[in-house]
Amino acid sequence: MNGFLDDLPELEIGEPRRKKKKRQKTEPLRPPPEDIVVKYIRLKCPRCGSYNVPVYDSNHLPIRYHRCSKCGLTFKSVEEHV
């Protein structure tokens, strides 16, 4: 093996190239919380007037289904986009 590869040119191999870091996606700028206003209307049961009317189904937005904890009446509310 003496001199077997002596006729090959010297390859100048440097350090391996580093992979470029992917840029992190940034979220779009949102206005500060004090500039956001949402109109809120407190729901009450149409039968007994109780305010304890939790949502039991909201899979069909913008419609939500409620059940009054006091009298058991079920009713729906519709979210309105203004």
C-alpha atoms as a PDB file:
ATOM      1  CA  MET A   1       0.000   0.000   0.000  1.00  0.00           C
ATOM      2  CA  ASN A   2       2.973   2.294  -0.131  1.00  0.00           C
ATOM      3  CA  GLY A   3       2.214   5.160  -2.449  1.00  0.00           C
ATOM      4  CA  PHE A   4      -1.089   3.689  -3.593  1.00  0.00           C
ATOM      5  CA  LEU A   5      -3.062   6.948  -3.132  1.00  0.00           C
ATOM      6  CA  ASP A   6      -0.170   9.353  -3.599  1.00  0.00           C
ATOM      7  CA  ASP A   7      -1.318  10.469  -7.053  1.00  0.00           C
ATOM      8  CA  LEU A   8      -4.710  11.788  -5.793  1.00  0.00           C
ATOM      9  CA  PRO A   9      -4.993  15.541  -5.252  1.00  0.00           C
ATOM     10  CA  GLU A  10      -5.320  16.824  -1.718  1.00  0.00           C
ATOM     11  CA  LEU A  11      -8.928  17.636  -0.920  1.00  0.00           C
ATOM     12  CA  GLU A  12      -9.316  20.571   1.373  1.00  0.00           C
ATOM     13  CA  ILE A  13     -12.235  19.574   3.479  1.00  0.00           C
ATOM     14  CA  GLY A  14     -13.204  22.136   6.071  1.00  0.00           C
ATOM     15  CA  GLU A  15     -15.691  21.910   8.874  1.00  0.00           C
ATOM     16  CA  PRO A  16     -19.093  20.549   7.929  1.00  0.00           C
ATOM     17  CA  ARG A  17     -21.672  23.166   6.990  1.00  0.00           C
ATOM     18  CA  ARG A  18     -24.147  23.993   9.680  1.00  0.00           C
ATOM     19  CA  LYS A  19     -27.816  23.783   8.957  1.00  0.00           C
ATOM     20  CA  LYS A  20     -29.636  27.090   8.856  1.00  0.00           C
ATOM     21  CA  LYS A  21     -32.072  27.575  11.690  1.00  0.00           C
ATOM     22  CA  LYS A  22     -35.669  27.874  10.638  1.00  0.00           C
ATOM     23  CA  ARG A  23     -37.228  31.188  11.498  1.00  0.00           C
ATOM     24  CA  GLN A  24     -39.911  30.953  14.071  1.00  0.00           C
ATOM     25  CA  LYS A  25     -43.308  32.068  12.837  1.00  0.00           C
ATOM     26  CA  THR A  26     -44.491  35.036  14.796  1.00  0.00           C
ATOM     27  CA  GLU A  27     -48.112  35.708  15.551  1.00  0.00           C
ATOM     28  CA  PRO A  28     -49.649  38.822  14.051  1.00  0.00           C
ATOM     29  CA  LEU A  29     -49.716  41.811  16.332  1.00  0.00           C
ATOM     30  CA  ARG A  30     -52.885  42.108  18.337  1.00  0.00           C
ATOM     31  CA  PRO A  31     -54.257  45.285  19.846  1.00  0.00           C
ATOM     32  CA  PRO A  32     -53.694  45.722  23.572  1.00  0.00           C
ATOM     33  CA  PRO A  33     -56.482  44.218  25.729  1.00  0.00           C
ATOM     34  CA  GLU A  34     -57.779  47.628  26.787  1.00  0.00           C
ATOM     35  CA  ASP A  35     -58.743  48.383  23.158  1.00  0.00           C
ATOM     36  CA  ILE A  36     -60.911  45.262  22.749  1.00  0.00           C
ATOM     37  CA  VAL A  37     -64.552  45.643  23.710  1.00  0.00           C
ATOM     38  CA  VAL A  38     -67.070  42.818  23.700  1.00  0.00           C
ATOM     39  CA  LYS A  39     -70.731  43.404  24.460  1.00  0.00           C
ATOM     40  CA  TYR A  40     -71.902  40.913  27.067  1.00  0.00           C
ATOM     41  CA  ILE A  41     -75.542  40.218  27.796  1.00  0.00           C
ATOM     42  CA  ARG A  42     -76.176  38.140  30.888  1.00  0.00           C
ATOM     43  CA  LEU A  43     -78.557  35.300  30.108  1.00  0.00           C
ATOM     44  CA  LYS A  44     -81.480  34.388  32.287  1.00  0.00           C
ATOM     45  CA  CYS A  45     -84.065  31.653  32.100  1.00  0.00           C
ATOM     46  CA  PRO A  46     -87.142  32.788  30.148  1.00  0.00           C
ATOM     47  CA  ARG A  47     -89.431  30.802  32.489  1.00  0.00           C
ATOM     48  CA  CYS A  48     -88.226  31.510  36.042  1.00  0.00           C
ATOM     49  CA  GLY A  49     -85.712  34.376  35.552  1.00  0.00           C
ATOM     50  CA  SER A  50     -82.785  32.495  37.117  1.00  0.00           C
ATOM     51  CA  TYR A  51     -79.304  33.536  35.989  1.00  0.00           C
ATOM     52  CA  ASN A  52     -77.928  30.033  36.610  1.00  0.00           C
ATOM     53  CA  VAL A  53     -78.267  28.768  33.023  1.00  0.00           C
ATOM     54  CA  PRO A  54     -75.078  26.875  32.066  1.00  0.00           C
ATOM     55  CA  VAL A  55     -74.356  25.783  28.500  1.00  0.00           C
ATOM     56  CA  TYR A  56     -74.758  22.050  27.949  1.00  0.00           C
ATOM     57  CA  ASP A  57     -74.007  21.972  24.195  1.00  0.00           C
ATOM     58  CA  SER A  58     -71.982  24.424  22.107  1.00  0.00           C
ATOM     59  CA  ASN A  59     -70.994  22.163  19.218  1.00  0.00           C
ATOM     60  CA  HIS A  60     -73.233  24.013  16.770  1.00  0.00           C
ATOM     61  CA  LEU A  61     -71.913  27.568  17.042  1.00  0.00           C
ATOM     62  CA  PRO A  62     -73.252  30.251  16.851  1.00  0.00           C
ATOM     63  CA  ILE A  63     -76.101  28.417  18.631  1.00  0.00           C
ATOM     64  CA  ARG A  64     -75.628  27.357  22.262  1.00  0.00           C
ATOM     65  CA  TYR A  65     -77.995  25.207  24.252  1.00  0.00           C
ATOM     66  CA  HIS A  66     -78.677  26.017  27.917  1.00  0.00           C
ATOM     67  CA  ARG A  67     -80.428  24.226  30.786  1.00  0.00           C
ATOM     68  CA  CYS A  68     -81.748  26.182  33.733  1.00  0.00           C
ATOM     69  CA  SER A  69     -80.410  24.793  37.016  1.00  0.00           C
ATOM     70  CA  LYS A  70     -83.465  26.019  38.934  1.00  0.00           C
ATOM     71  CA  CYS A  71     -86.490  24.901  36.847  1.00  0.00           C
ATOM     72  CA  GLY A  72     -84.862  22.567  34.269  1.00  0.00           C
ATOM     73  CA  LEU A  73     -86.058  24.443  31.162  1.00  0.00           C
ATOM     74  CA  THR A  74     -83.840  23.923  28.107  1.00  0.00           C
ATOM     75  CA  PHE A  75     -83.482  26.731  25.593  1.00  0.00           C
ATOM     76  CA  LYS A  76     -81.025  28.008  23.022  1.00  0.00           C
ATOM     77  CA  SER A  77     -79.173  31.267  22.533  1.00  0.00           C
ATOM     78  CA  VAL A  78     -77.770  32.594  19.267  1.00  0.00           C
ATOM     79  CA  GLU A  79     -74.516  34.555  19.081  1.00  0.00           C
ATOM     80  CA  GLU A  80     -74.863  37.678  16.958  1.00  0.00           C
ATOM     81  CA  HIS A  81     -71.893  39.192  15.135  1.00  0.00           C
ATOM     82  CA  VAL A  82     -72.250  42.936  14.872  1.00  0.00           C
END
